[in-house]
Amino acid sequence: MANVMVESFEGIHFDLSKQPGKCKFIQSGFAWKPSGGGESVPFDGANIAGAQWSRAARGYELKILCRDSGIIQLDGFDQEDHDRAAKAFKVLYGIHLETKEHALRGWNWGKGEFGKAELAFNVQNRPAFEIPYTEISNTNLAGKNEVAVEFSLLAAGNETGVNGHAGEARSRGRKAGAARDQLVEMRFYIPGTAMKKERDEDGEEKSVDGSDAEEHNAANLFYDTLMDKAEIGEVAGDTFATFLDVLHLTPRGRFDVDMYENSFRLRGKTYDYKIQYEHIKKFMLLPKPDDLHTLITIGLDPPLRQGQTRYPFLVMQFKREEEILIELNMTEELLEGKYKGKLNARYEQPQHSVVAQVFRGLSGKKVVTPSKDFVSHHQQSGVKCSIKANEGHLYCLDKSFMFVPKPATYISFDNIATIVMSRVGGAISASRTFDITITTKNGTGEHQFSNINREEQKPLEEFFQAKGLKTKNEMLDDSSALIAAALKDADMASSDEEVVAARADRGSADEDEESVDEDFRTDSESDVAEEYDSAHESSGSGSDDEMADGDGALDSDPPDDERPKKKSKTGK
């Protein structure tokens, strides 16, 4: 009986896992089992298409290329393990173990090449680094010649590949989630133009020559190719429903919303986003207090990223009375099977209601609406207020507060320590509005909502009491201070009135005391002579001739009886 070859290696990390394990190669395939205990992860040997040996962070790495476009990384090998691994792959799978050298120059310019399973950045025909397509969550054109590539983040705390589910091998973000620090975005500057390549019958890319060749913007071509390779943009035929030109308040803009089986996509003029339904943590339907619009707020974890900005919430706005007619692009078998009782084949309702129902049916998330225990003074579900300089509305839900649109803020009742109601300053004009400061538990911070209408105080206080929230009303102390200040002002006003009344009793004596006698002049005072007065003297150094001219001018003046009468002087 022939001996069956088995090759084992200890201290091997699977797909950059934190925990090492044991890797065993046999004729039917190979398996990896964590050293700390747990189920092994098996792989079929028939799915192995190639293998590469190269230097890595933990010594040497064995990269296995799968026929289904996946990549498996095993690192932690010693240099002496190369011959054993090469022999095992040759004997067991009939595959030559290729040795690959990486570029170590540290250059940040090179050539991007799209392989079957990964994007390679080559410097002098050697790979500086590779990015598996399974680790890319999104890509956007950040500028005319710049492409931003966003990497998947591990949504759950568990490391994929250690839980025993082989089907999780291609889940996005598992490799990035294995590290303490995670790379979340990379940008490529791609100037100039490039020739578009076409695929042949085998799916391989080939250059187009002759008159059919057409130049394209290199950045746009890179972006389109990556979207296709990384399967970021779904096929149009796979969409169950599409809602066009939906206004988003956060992030600001208009996006087309494409609904798929496991994800939805936002398509804008500049940015495209693909979001998995499993990343939706909250779904809220909030009627806007203007009686015209309704807001749909979607909480995401991990948050949506746009450059350096993170958006943990999407806020969509719909006209409340705008109805749409839509038929889902879904087979009858699927409707009657997986989505029975969750979705209808046809909808003819207000748009916000249709969007909410389709989201709920596809994602399985509960739609949260404002609490019935709160009604504002104006019979609305939201209260107008501000966070710093940003105006918005605060909604009272059954288990939380939600402020929209910007910055979208969610506060769970379980995380609230105290709520303080207060005024800004002590002026009487501040009595029309008040502030709410919510302090969270464990000293994690506080949220202040300002400029709330005074009429909303009573409904809010009653809601806080109904939910058992610890509340402190500092406005009562402020009211006492305001009343005291008002009484003090009233006393001062009354004393002023008494003084005025006393002066009134004196008759004209008060006027005689304060008025100036215009006819009275002391010797020290000098009169300013009028121009037509004969006693007028020039204040300048004029000559006698000028004075004569002045006298001549006086001779032509009107008679004395037409002149203004001069006041007689009284001297002592």
Protein backbone atom coordinates (compact mmCIF):
# COMPACT_ATOMS: atom_id res chain seq x y z
CA MET A 1 0.00 0.00 0.00
CA ALA A 2 1.43 3.38 -1.03
CA ASN A 3 2.10 5.96 1.64
CA VAL A 4 -0.18 9.00 1.60
CA MET A 5 1.79 12.24 1.84
CA VAL A 6 0.87 14.62 4.67
CA GLU A 7 2.73 17.86 5.39
CA SER A 8 2.12 19.97 8.50
CA PHE A 9 3.40 23.38 9.63
CA GLU A 10 3.09 24.95 13.09
CA GLY A 11 2.79 28.64 14.02
CA ILE A 12 1.03 29.63 10.80
CA HIS A 13 -1.32 32.65 10.63
CA PHE A 14 -4.35 32.30 8.38
CA ASP A 15 -5.34 35.42 6.40
CA LEU A 16 -3.36 37.74 8.72
CA SER A 17 -5.10 36.36 11.81
CA LYS A 18 -3.84 37.46 15.21
CA GLN A 19 -3.76 33.91 16.50
CA PRO A 20 -1.37 31.31 15.00
CA GLY A 21 -2.40 27.78 14.25
CA LYS A 22 -1.50 24.52 12.57
CA CYS A 23 -1.74 24.07 8.79
CA LYS A 24 -1.97 20.58 7.32
CA PHE A 25 -1.75 19.72 3.59
CA ILE A 26 -3.21 16.45 2.29
CA GLN A 27 -4.18 15.23 -1.15
CA SER A 28 -7.83 16.30 -0.89
CA GLY A 29 -6.93 19.80 0.21
CA PHE A 30 -5.66 21.51 3.31
CA ALA A 31 -6.98 22.78 6.65
CA TRP A 32 -6.00 25.34 9.28
CA LYS A 33 -6.83 25.07 12.97
CA PRO A 34 -6.13 27.77 15.61
CA SER A 35 -3.71 26.81 18.36
CA GLY A 36 -5.95 28.21 21.10
CA GLY A 37 -8.73 25.79 20.21
CA GLY A 38 -11.64 25.96 17.83
CA GLU A 39 -12.89 24.31 14.71
CA SER A 40 -10.60 23.83 11.74
CA VAL A 41 -11.18 25.60 8.43
CA PRO A 42 -10.98 23.15 5.49
CA PHE A 43 -10.37 24.01 1.82
CA ASP A 44 -10.81 21.88 -1.27
CA GLY A 45 -7.60 21.06 -3.13
CA ALA A 46 -9.43 21.17 -6.48
CA ASN A 47 -10.00 24.92 -5.93
CA ILE A 48 -6.26 25.68 -5.85
CA ALA A 49 -5.17 27.44 -9.06
CA GLY A 50 -1.67 28.61 -8.08
CA ALA A 51 0.72 29.33 -5.22
CA GLN A 52 3.38 31.98 -4.51
CA TRP A 53 6.19 32.15 -1.94
CA SER A 54 7.47 35.55 -0.75
CA ARG A 55 8.83 37.48 2.22
CA ALA A 56 6.22 38.80 4.68
CA ALA A 57 5.94 40.52 8.07
CA ARG A 58 6.11 37.21 9.96
CA GLY A 59 8.90 35.61 8.01
CA TYR A 60 7.66 34.06 4.77
CA GLU A 61 4.19 33.89 3.26
CA LEU A 62 2.47 31.26 1.17
CA LYS A 63 -0.21 32.85 -1.02
CA ILE A 64 -2.75 30.47 -2.53
CA LEU A 65 -4.71 31.63 -5.60
CA CYS A 66 -8.15 30.06 -5.82
CA ARG A 67 -10.11 29.27 -8.95
CA ASP A 68 -13.09 31.25 -7.64
CA SER A 69 -10.96 34.46 -7.68
CA GLY A 70 -10.24 34.27 -3.97
CA ILE A 71 -6.85 34.56 -2.25
CA ILE A 72 -5.72 32.73 0.88
CA GLN A 73 -2.69 34.04 2.75
CA LEU A 74 -0.70 31.80 5.09
CA ASP A 75 2.25 33.49 6.78
CA GLY A 76 4.66 32.63 9.56
CA PHE A 77 6.80 30.15 7.61
CA ASP A 78 10.56 29.86 8.04
CA GLN A 79 12.94 30.01 5.11
CA GLU A 80 13.72 26.31 5.60
CA ASP A 81 10.04 25.46 5.03
CA HIS A 82 10.22 26.43 1.36
CA ASP A 83 11.44 23.06 0.05
CA ARG A 84 8.84 21.11 2.05
CA ALA A 85 6.02 23.40 0.88
CA ALA A 86 7.18 23.29 -2.75
CA LYS A 87 7.34 19.48 -2.68
CA ALA A 88 3.90 19.22 -1.08
CA PHE A 89 2.25 21.41 -3.71
CA LYS A 90 4.03 19.57 -6.54
CA VAL A 91 3.14 16.09 -5.31
CA LEU A 92 -0.33 16.72 -3.87
CA TYR A 93 -1.79 19.28 -6.31
CA GLY A 94 0.57 19.30 -9.29
CA ILE A 95 1.25 23.01 -8.85
CA HIS A 96 4.63 24.73 -9.04
CA LEU A 97 5.35 27.01 -6.07
CA GLU A 98 6.46 30.32 -7.59
CA THR A 99 8.96 32.49 -5.72
CA LYS A 100 8.07 36.16 -5.93
CA GLU A 101 10.34 39.08 -5.01
CA HIS A 102 8.83 42.36 -3.80
CA ALA A 103 10.04 45.87 -4.62
CA LEU A 104 11.89 47.33 -1.66
CA ARG A 105 12.85 50.75 -3.04
CA GLY A 106 10.06 52.55 -1.21
CA TRP A 107 8.91 54.48 -4.26
CA ASN A 108 5.40 55.86 -4.24
CA TRP A 109 5.04 55.86 -8.03
CA GLY A 110 4.65 52.82 -10.20
CA LYS A 111 2.11 50.96 -12.28
CA GLY A 112 -1.21 49.55 -11.17
CA GLU A 113 -2.10 46.18 -12.66
CA PHE A 114 -5.43 44.43 -12.28
CA GLY A 115 -5.08 40.70 -11.73
CA LYS A 116 -7.75 38.09 -11.42
CA ALA A 117 -8.07 38.39 -7.66
CA GLU A 118 -6.08 41.46 -6.62
CA LEU A 119 -4.76 44.88 -7.58
CA ALA A 120 -0.96 44.99 -7.67
CA PHE A 121 1.12 48.16 -7.43
CA ASN A 122 4.35 47.38 -9.28
CA VAL A 123 7.66 49.26 -9.10
CA GLN A 124 10.18 48.25 -11.79
CA ASN A 125 8.09 45.17 -12.61
CA ARG A 126 8.10 43.99 -9.01
CA PRO A 127 5.04 44.22 -6.72
CA ALA A 128 5.39 46.78 -3.94
CA PHE A 129 2.04 45.68 -2.45
CA GLU A 130 -1.14 43.90 -3.46
CA ILE A 131 -4.75 44.64 -2.54
CA PRO A 132 -7.23 41.75 -2.72
CA TYR A 133 -10.51 42.82 -4.28
CA THR A 134 -12.36 41.24 -1.37
CA GLU A 135 -10.88 43.89 0.94
CA ILE A 136 -12.20 46.85 -1.11
CA SER A 137 -15.56 48.22 -0.02
CA ASN A 138 -15.87 51.30 -2.23
CA THR A 139 -14.07 53.56 -4.67
CA ASN A 140 -14.75 57.13 -5.77
CA LEU A 141 -13.31 59.72 -8.11
CA ALA A 142 -11.83 62.21 -5.64
CA GLY A 143 -10.70 64.56 -8.42
CA LYS A 144 -9.96 64.76 -12.11
CA ASN A 145 -6.87 62.57 -11.76
CA GLU A 146 -7.38 61.03 -8.32
CA VAL A 147 -9.11 57.81 -7.29
CA ALA A 148 -9.94 57.03 -3.64
CA VAL A 149 -10.09 53.36 -2.61
CA GLU A 150 -11.86 52.55 0.66
CA PHE A 151 -11.20 49.31 2.51
CA SER A 152 -13.70 47.11 4.27
CA LEU A 153 -13.91 47.20 8.03
CA LEU A 154 -14.81 44.15 10.05
CA ALA A 155 -18.32 44.84 11.30
CA ALA A 156 -18.33 42.19 14.03
CA GLY A 157 -15.67 41.65 16.62
CA ASN A 158 -15.01 38.04 15.59
CA GLU A 159 -12.24 37.16 13.21
CA THR A 160 -13.56 35.55 10.11
CA GLY A 161 -11.94 32.19 9.40
CA VAL A 162 -11.63 31.18 13.04
CA ASN A 163 -15.29 30.43 13.58
CA GLY A 164 -15.31 27.33 11.43
CA HIS A 165 -17.48 28.65 8.59
CA ALA A 166 -15.69 28.02 5.31
CA GLY A 167 -18.28 30.10 3.50
CA GLU A 168 -16.97 33.16 5.35
CA ALA A 169 -13.60 32.87 3.63
CA ARG A 170 -14.34 35.70 1.21
CA SER A 171 -16.17 38.00 3.59
CA ARG A 172 -14.99 41.57 3.27
CA GLY A 173 -12.81 43.18 5.88
CA ARG A 174 -11.57 40.05 7.62
CA LYS A 175 -7.90 40.70 6.84
CA ALA A 176 -8.04 44.36 7.80
CA GLY A 177 -9.87 43.42 10.99
CA ALA A 178 -7.05 41.12 12.07
CA ALA A 179 -4.68 44.03 12.72
CA ARG A 180 -4.66 46.46 15.64
CA ASP A 181 -4.46 49.44 13.28
CA GLN A 182 -6.47 49.38 10.09
CA LEU A 183 -5.87 51.10 6.78
CA VAL A 184 -9.20 52.58 5.77
CA GLU A 185 -8.39 54.51 2.59
CA MET A 186 -5.74 54.84 -0.10
CA ARG A 187 -5.60 57.37 -2.93
CA PHE A 188 -3.99 56.97 -6.34
CA TYR A 189 -2.96 59.90 -8.52
CA ILE A 190 -3.37 58.78 -12.13
CA PRO A 191 -2.58 61.50 -14.72
CA GLY A 192 -2.93 61.40 -18.50
CA THR A 193 -4.92 59.07 -20.73
CA ALA A 194 -4.90 55.32 -21.32
CA MET A 195 -6.18 52.84 -23.89
CA LYS A 196 -9.17 50.80 -22.89
CA LYS A 197 -8.70 47.05 -22.88
CA GLU A 198 -11.32 44.51 -23.92
CA ARG A 199 -11.85 41.01 -22.65
CA ASP A 200 -11.46 37.98 -24.86
CA GLU A 201 -13.53 34.80 -24.73
CA ASP A 202 -11.50 33.48 -21.80
CA GLY A 203 -12.15 36.66 -19.79
CA GLU A 204 -8.58 37.92 -20.12
CA GLU A 205 -7.94 41.54 -21.01
CA LYS A 206 -6.32 42.48 -24.29
CA SER A 207 -5.38 45.80 -25.87
CA VAL A 208 -7.36 47.22 -28.75
CA ASP A 209 -5.26 48.21 -31.76
CA GLY A 210 -5.98 50.15 -34.94
CA SER A 211 -8.86 52.50 -35.58
CA ASP A 212 -10.97 50.89 -32.85
CA ALA A 213 -8.55 52.10 -30.18
CA GLU A 214 -9.93 54.96 -28.09
CA GLU A 215 -8.19 56.98 -25.41
CA HIS A 216 -9.85 57.52 -22.06
CA ASN A 217 -9.02 59.52 -18.98
CA ALA A 218 -6.66 57.24 -17.07
CA ALA A 219 -8.26 57.93 -13.68
CA ASN A 220 -11.77 57.23 -15.00
CA LEU A 221 -10.59 54.02 -16.66
CA PHE A 222 -8.90 52.90 -13.42
CA TYR A 223 -12.07 53.70 -11.47
CA ASP A 224 -14.38 51.82 -13.86
CA THR A 225 -12.07 48.77 -13.92
CA LEU A 226 -11.84 48.64 -10.14
CA MET A 227 -15.61 48.97 -9.79
CA ASP A 228 -15.99 45.96 -12.07
CA LYS A 229 -13.22 43.85 -10.53
CA ALA A 230 -14.17 44.50 -6.92
CA GLU A 231 -17.87 43.97 -7.70
CA ILE A 232 -18.79 47.29 -6.12
CA GLY A 233 -21.38 48.14 -8.75
CA GLU A 234 -24.05 45.46 -9.05
CA VAL A 235 -25.54 44.45 -12.39
CA ALA A 236 -28.54 46.59 -13.25
CA GLY A 237 -30.73 43.53 -13.74
CA ASP A 238 -30.16 42.50 -10.14
CA THR A 239 -31.85 45.58 -8.69
CA PHE A 240 -35.16 44.88 -6.99
CA ALA A 241 -36.15 48.57 -6.94
CA THR A 242 -34.68 51.97 -7.81
CA PHE A 243 -35.69 55.34 -6.35
CA LEU A 244 -34.45 58.25 -8.44
CA ASP A 245 -33.12 61.64 -7.34
CA VAL A 246 -33.68 61.24 -3.60
CA LEU A 247 -32.68 64.32 -1.60
CA HIS A 248 -30.17 63.53 1.16
CA LEU A 249 -29.57 66.05 3.93
CA THR A 250 -26.67 63.98 5.31
CA PRO A 251 -24.46 63.64 3.33
CA ARG A 252 -25.76 66.59 1.33
CA GLY A 253 -26.77 65.88 -2.26
CA ARG A 254 -29.14 63.94 -4.48
CA PHE A 255 -28.61 60.22 -4.99
CA ASP A 256 -30.33 57.44 -6.88
CA VAL A 257 -31.04 54.56 -4.48
CA ASP A 258 -30.67 51.05 -5.94
CA MET A 259 -32.02 48.21 -3.79
CA TYR A 260 -30.37 44.77 -4.08
CA GLU A 261 -30.85 41.52 -2.24
CA ASN A 262 -28.05 42.02 0.30
CA SER A 263 -27.14 45.69 -0.10
CA PHE A 264 -28.25 49.05 -1.43
CA ARG A 265 -26.30 51.57 -3.48
CA LEU A 266 -26.31 55.37 -3.53
CA ARG A 267 -25.37 56.76 -6.93
CA GLY A 268 -24.53 60.47 -7.06
CA LYS A 269 -22.78 62.73 -9.53
CA THR A 270 -19.49 62.56 -7.63
CA TYR A 271 -19.74 59.75 -5.09
CA ASP A 272 -21.06 56.20 -5.19
CA TYR A 273 -21.65 54.12 -2.07
CA LYS A 274 -22.48 50.48 -1.62
CA ILE A 275 -23.84 49.63 1.83
CA GLN A 276 -24.64 46.17 3.17
CA TYR A 277 -27.98 45.74 4.93
CA GLU A 278 -26.16 44.14 7.85
CA HIS A 279 -24.45 47.48 8.47
CA ILE A 280 -27.83 49.12 9.15
CA LYS A 281 -28.25 49.39 12.93
CA LYS A 282 -31.17 51.82 13.13
CA PHE A 283 -33.98 52.78 10.77
CA MET A 284 -36.21 55.73 11.73
CA LEU A 285 -39.20 57.34 10.04
CA LEU A 286 -39.52 60.92 11.35
CA PRO A 287 -42.27 63.35 10.25
CA LYS A 288 -40.86 66.85 9.89
CA PRO A 289 -42.77 69.52 11.92
CA ASP A 290 -43.43 71.58 8.78
CA ASP A 291 -46.28 69.21 7.77
CA LEU A 292 -44.71 69.00 4.29
CA HIS A 293 -41.81 66.55 4.54
CA THR A 294 -40.88 63.23 6.13
CA LEU A 295 -37.33 62.20 7.03
CA ILE A 296 -35.89 58.69 6.82
CA THR A 297 -32.84 58.31 9.05
CA ILE A 298 -30.57 55.26 8.72
CA GLY A 299 -27.91 54.53 11.34
CA LEU A 300 -24.79 52.78 9.96
CA ASP A 301 -21.98 50.88 11.66
CA PRO A 302 -19.34 51.16 10.32
CA PRO A 303 -20.13 54.76 9.29
CA LEU A 304 -20.21 55.97 5.71
CA ARG A 305 -16.96 57.68 4.79
CA GLN A 306 -16.47 60.56 2.38
CA GLY A 307 -12.83 61.54 2.41
CA GLN A 308 -11.94 62.41 6.00
CA THR A 309 -15.60 62.83 7.00
CA ARG A 310 -17.55 60.04 8.63
CA TYR A 311 -21.34 59.83 8.42
CA PRO A 312 -22.87 57.47 11.01
CA PHE A 313 -26.35 58.43 9.79
CA LEU A 314 -28.01 58.88 6.41
CA VAL A 315 -30.85 61.42 6.40
CA MET A 316 -33.22 61.37 3.43
CA GLN A 317 -36.03 63.87 2.91
CA PHE A 318 -39.28 63.15 1.05
CA LYS A 319 -42.33 65.25 0.26
CA ARG A 320 -45.10 63.86 2.38
CA GLU A 321 -47.85 63.96 -0.26
CA GLU A 322 -45.74 62.79 -3.23
CA GLU A 323 -46.94 59.35 -4.33
CA ILE A 324 -45.13 56.88 -6.60
CA LEU A 325 -46.07 53.74 -8.46
CA ILE A 326 -43.44 51.02 -8.47
CA GLU A 327 -43.30 47.32 -9.27
CA LEU A 328 -40.52 45.27 -7.74
CA ASN A 329 -38.13 43.54 -10.15
CA MET A 330 -38.55 40.21 -8.39
CA THR A 331 -39.74 36.77 -9.43
CA GLU A 332 -43.00 35.46 -8.06
CA GLU A 333 -41.18 32.49 -6.54
CA LEU A 334 -38.89 34.81 -4.57
CA LEU A 335 -41.81 36.93 -3.41
CA GLU A 336 -43.80 33.91 -2.27
CA GLY A 337 -40.77 32.28 -0.71
CA LYS A 338 -38.09 34.35 1.02
CA TYR A 339 -40.07 37.61 1.14
CA LYS A 340 -43.57 36.28 1.76
CA GLY A 341 -45.40 38.68 4.05
CA LYS A 342 -42.50 41.16 3.87
CA LEU A 343 -42.81 42.68 0.39
CA ASN A 344 -45.54 43.32 -2.16
CA ALA A 345 -45.14 43.01 -5.90
CA ARG A 346 -46.58 46.49 -6.47
CA TYR A 347 -46.75 49.71 -4.48
CA GLU A 348 -48.78 52.87 -5.02
CA GLN A 349 -48.30 54.98 -1.91
CA PRO A 350 -46.39 58.07 -0.70
CA GLN A 351 -42.73 57.71 -1.59
CA HIS A 352 -41.42 57.76 1.98
CA SER A 353 -43.78 54.95 2.93
CA VAL A 354 -42.71 52.80 -0.05
CA VAL A 355 -39.00 53.32 0.66
CA ALA A 356 -39.49 52.41 4.33
CA GLN A 357 -41.43 49.24 3.48
CA VAL A 358 -38.90 48.08 0.89
CA PHE A 359 -36.00 48.72 3.26
CA ARG A 360 -37.76 46.86 6.06
CA GLY A 361 -38.59 43.91 3.81
CA LEU A 362 -35.07 43.52 2.39
CA SER A 363 -33.03 44.31 5.50
CA GLY A 364 -35.33 42.91 8.16
CA LYS A 365 -34.81 46.01 10.32
CA LYS A 366 -37.53 47.45 12.51
CA VAL A 367 -38.84 50.89 11.54
CA VAL A 368 -38.74 53.22 14.57
CA THR A 369 -41.19 56.13 14.78
CA PRO A 370 -41.56 58.97 17.35
CA SER A 371 -43.02 58.08 20.73
CA LYS A 372 -46.76 58.45 21.21
CA ASP A 373 -46.05 59.75 24.72
CA PHE A 374 -44.81 63.07 23.35
CA VAL A 375 -46.73 65.72 21.45
CA SER A 376 -45.28 69.20 21.17
CA HIS A 377 -47.15 72.42 21.89
CA HIS A 378 -47.84 72.68 18.14
CA GLN A 379 -49.07 69.07 17.94
CA GLN A 380 -45.90 67.82 16.26
CA SER A 381 -43.46 64.98 16.92
CA GLY A 382 -40.32 67.10 16.82
CA VAL A 383 -39.10 70.18 18.65
CA LYS A 384 -37.13 72.89 16.85
CA CYS A 385 -33.73 73.56 18.45
CA SER A 386 -30.04 74.00 17.68
CA ILE A 387 -26.73 72.28 18.32
CA LYS A 388 -24.31 75.19 18.39
CA ALA A 389 -25.00 77.04 15.11
CA ASN A 390 -26.80 74.14 13.42
CA GLU A 391 -30.58 74.26 13.43
CA GLY A 392 -32.63 71.10 13.37
CA HIS A 393 -35.28 69.12 15.20
CA LEU A 394 -35.10 66.95 18.30
CA TYR A 395 -37.35 63.87 18.24
CA CYS A 396 -38.47 61.98 21.33
CA LEU A 397 -38.50 58.24 20.58
CA ASP A 398 -39.59 55.46 22.91
CA LYS A 399 -36.03 54.58 23.96
CA SER A 400 -33.89 57.46 22.73
CA PHE A 401 -33.56 61.01 21.44
CA MET A 402 -32.68 61.76 17.81
CA PHE A 403 -31.51 65.11 16.44
CA VAL A 404 -31.49 65.68 12.68
CA PRO A 405 -30.30 66.65 10.17
CA LYS A 406 -26.80 67.91 11.01
CA PRO A 407 -25.02 66.79 13.03
CA ALA A 408 -27.25 63.73 13.28
CA THR A 409 -27.12 62.81 16.98
CA TYR A 410 -28.54 59.70 18.65
CA ILE A 411 -28.79 59.46 22.46
CA SER A 412 -30.12 56.31 24.10
CA PHE A 413 -32.08 56.67 27.35
CA ASP A 414 -29.91 53.96 28.89
CA ASN A 415 -26.86 56.17 28.43
CA ILE A 416 -28.34 59.34 30.00
CA ALA A 417 -27.22 60.41 33.48
CA THR A 418 -29.10 63.71 33.87
CA ILE A 419 -31.07 66.25 31.85
CA VAL A 420 -30.72 69.91 32.85
CA MET A 421 -33.18 72.54 31.65
CA SER A 422 -31.82 76.09 31.81
CA ARG A 423 -31.83 79.54 30.25
CA VAL A 424 -29.01 81.43 28.60
CA GLY A 425 -28.16 84.42 30.79
CA GLY A 426 -30.60 86.22 33.10
CA ALA A 427 -32.22 88.71 30.77
CA ILE A 428 -35.97 88.83 30.57
CA SER A 429 -35.72 88.38 26.79
CA ALA A 430 -34.25 84.91 27.39
CA SER A 431 -37.53 83.78 28.95
CA ARG A 432 -38.87 82.98 25.48
CA THR A 433 -36.39 80.12 24.95
CA PHE A 434 -34.48 77.63 27.06
CA ASP A 435 -31.74 75.02 26.69
CA ILE A 436 -31.51 71.31 27.41
CA THR A 437 -28.17 69.79 28.41
CA ILE A 438 -28.02 65.98 28.41
CA THR A 439 -25.11 64.50 30.36
CA THR A 440 -24.21 60.93 29.50
CA LYS A 441 -23.09 58.24 31.92
CA ASN A 442 -19.48 57.43 32.79
CA GLY A 443 -18.45 60.99 31.96
CA THR A 444 -18.47 60.31 28.22
CA GLY A 445 -19.66 63.84 27.44
CA GLU A 446 -22.74 65.99 27.11
CA HIS A 447 -25.09 67.26 24.41
CA GLN A 448 -26.63 70.74 24.50
CA PHE A 449 -29.78 71.62 22.59
CA SER A 450 -30.45 75.36 22.64
CA ASN A 451 -33.09 77.90 21.57
CA ILE A 452 -36.07 75.68 22.39
CA ASN A 453 -39.39 77.51 22.47
CA ARG A 454 -40.59 78.19 26.03
CA GLU A 455 -43.94 76.65 25.12
CA GLU A 456 -42.29 73.23 24.75
CA GLN A 457 -41.10 73.10 28.36
CA LYS A 458 -44.19 71.46 29.82
CA PRO A 459 -44.56 68.72 27.13
CA LEU A 460 -40.86 67.88 27.44
CA GLU A 461 -40.94 67.75 31.25
CA GLU A 462 -43.94 65.45 31.17
CA PHE A 463 -42.16 63.17 28.68
CA PHE A 464 -39.00 63.07 30.81
CA GLN A 465 -41.06 62.09 33.85
CA ALA A 466 -42.97 59.42 31.90
CA LYS A 467 -39.68 57.81 30.80
CA GLY A 468 -38.16 58.02 34.28
CA LEU A 469 -35.30 60.29 33.22
CA LYS A 470 -33.49 62.25 35.95
CA THR A 471 -34.26 65.91 35.30
CA LYS A 472 -33.13 69.15 36.92
CA ASN A 473 -34.97 72.39 36.17
CA GLU A 474 -32.63 75.33 36.72
CA MET A 475 -35.19 77.71 35.26
CA LEU A 476 -37.03 77.85 38.60
CA ASP A 477 -34.03 79.53 40.22
CA ASP A 478 -33.67 81.75 37.19
CA SER A 479 -37.35 82.72 37.48
CA SER A 480 -36.87 83.83 41.11
CA ALA A 481 -33.88 85.91 40.10
CA LEU A 482 -35.83 87.42 37.22
CA ILE A 483 -38.77 88.27 39.48
CA ALA A 484 -36.45 89.90 42.01
CA ALA A 485 -34.76 91.86 39.25
CA ALA A 486 -38.13 92.93 37.85
CA LEU A 487 -39.33 94.07 41.32
CA LYS A 488 -36.09 95.98 41.83
CA ASP A 489 -36.57 97.70 38.49
CA ALA A 490 -40.16 98.50 39.47
CA ASP A 491 -39.00 100.08 42.76
CA MET A 492 -36.46 102.19 40.92
CA ALA A 493 -39.10 103.27 38.43
CA SER A 494 -41.52 104.24 41.22
CA SER A 495 -38.86 106.31 43.04
CA ASP A 496 -38.12 108.14 39.79
CA GLU A 497 -41.81 108.86 39.42
CA GLU A 498 -41.93 110.31 42.95
CA VAL A 499 -39.05 112.67 42.18
CA VAL A 500 -40.78 113.83 39.02
CA ALA A 501 -44.00 114.38 40.94
CA ALA A 502 -42.18 116.46 43.59
CA ARG A 503 -40.68 118.59 40.91
CA ALA A 504 -44.08 119.05 39.34
CA ASP A 505 -45.41 120.39 42.67
CA ARG A 506 -42.83 123.17 42.61
CA GLY A 507 -44.47 124.69 39.56
CA SER A 508 -42.24 126.94 37.47
CA ALA A 509 -39.54 127.18 40.15
CA ASP A 510 -37.82 124.18 38.72
CA GLU A 511 -37.75 125.75 35.28
CA ASP A 512 -36.38 129.04 36.70
CA GLU A 513 -33.66 127.16 38.44
CA GLU A 514 -32.49 125.23 35.45
CA SER A 515 -33.12 127.67 32.51
CA VAL A 516 -30.46 130.13 31.42
CA ASP A 517 -31.27 133.86 31.18
CA GLU A 518 -30.37 134.68 27.62
CA ASP A 519 -30.46 138.46 28.29
CA PHE A 520 -28.01 138.22 31.16
CA ARG A 521 -24.33 138.72 30.26
CA THR A 522 -21.43 139.23 32.63
CA ASP A 523 -18.52 141.55 31.96
CA SER A 524 -16.24 138.65 31.29
CA GLU A 525 -18.46 137.42 28.48
CA SER A 526 -17.82 138.79 25.00
CA ASP A 527 -20.60 139.32 22.54
CA VAL A 528 -20.20 138.20 19.00
CA ALA A 529 -21.24 141.17 16.90
CA GLU A 530 -23.48 140.62 13.95
CA GLU A 531 -22.23 141.39 10.45
CA TYR A 532 -24.65 144.26 10.11
CA ASP A 533 -23.74 145.75 13.51
CA SER A 534 -21.67 148.96 13.38
CA ALA A 535 -19.58 147.64 16.27
CA HIS A 536 -18.54 144.62 14.21
CA GLU A 537 -14.78 144.12 14.08
CA SER A 538 -12.93 141.75 11.86
CA SER A 539 -11.28 138.82 13.54
CA GLY A 540 -8.72 138.71 10.74
CA SER A 541 -5.93 141.12 9.73
CA GLY A 542 -7.98 142.93 7.07
CA SER A 543 -7.03 146.46 5.81
CA ASP A 544 -8.96 149.68 6.13
CA ASP A 545 -9.97 149.41 2.50
CA GLU A 546 -11.65 146.14 3.18
CA MET A 547 -13.45 147.72 6.06
CA ALA A 548 -14.55 150.54 3.77
CA ASP A 549 -15.91 148.03 1.33
CA GLY A 550 -17.77 146.51 4.17
CA ASP A 551 -19.29 149.87 5.12
CA GLY A 552 -20.31 150.41 1.50
CA ALA A 553 -22.07 147.13 1.56
CA LEU A 554 -23.91 148.22 4.65
CA ASP A 555 -25.17 151.36 2.90
CA SER A 556 -27.01 149.27 0.37
CA ASP A 557 -28.79 147.26 3.05
CA PRO A 558 -32.55 147.64 3.50
CA PRO A 559 -34.00 150.34 5.82
CA ASP A 560 -33.74 149.94 9.59
CA ASP A 561 -37.35 149.05 9.95
CA GLU A 562 -36.83 145.98 7.76
CA ARG A 563 -33.77 144.80 9.64
CA PRO A 564 -34.03 142.28 12.45
CA LYS A 565 -34.22 144.00 15.76
CA LYS A 566 -31.14 143.77 17.92
CA LYS A 567 -31.29 142.80 21.54
CA SER A 568 -30.46 145.58 23.94
CA LYS A 569 -27.51 144.99 26.22
CA THR A 570 -27.76 145.41 29.95
CA GLY A 571 -24.59 146.15 31.81
CA LYS A 572 -23.75 146.65 35.35
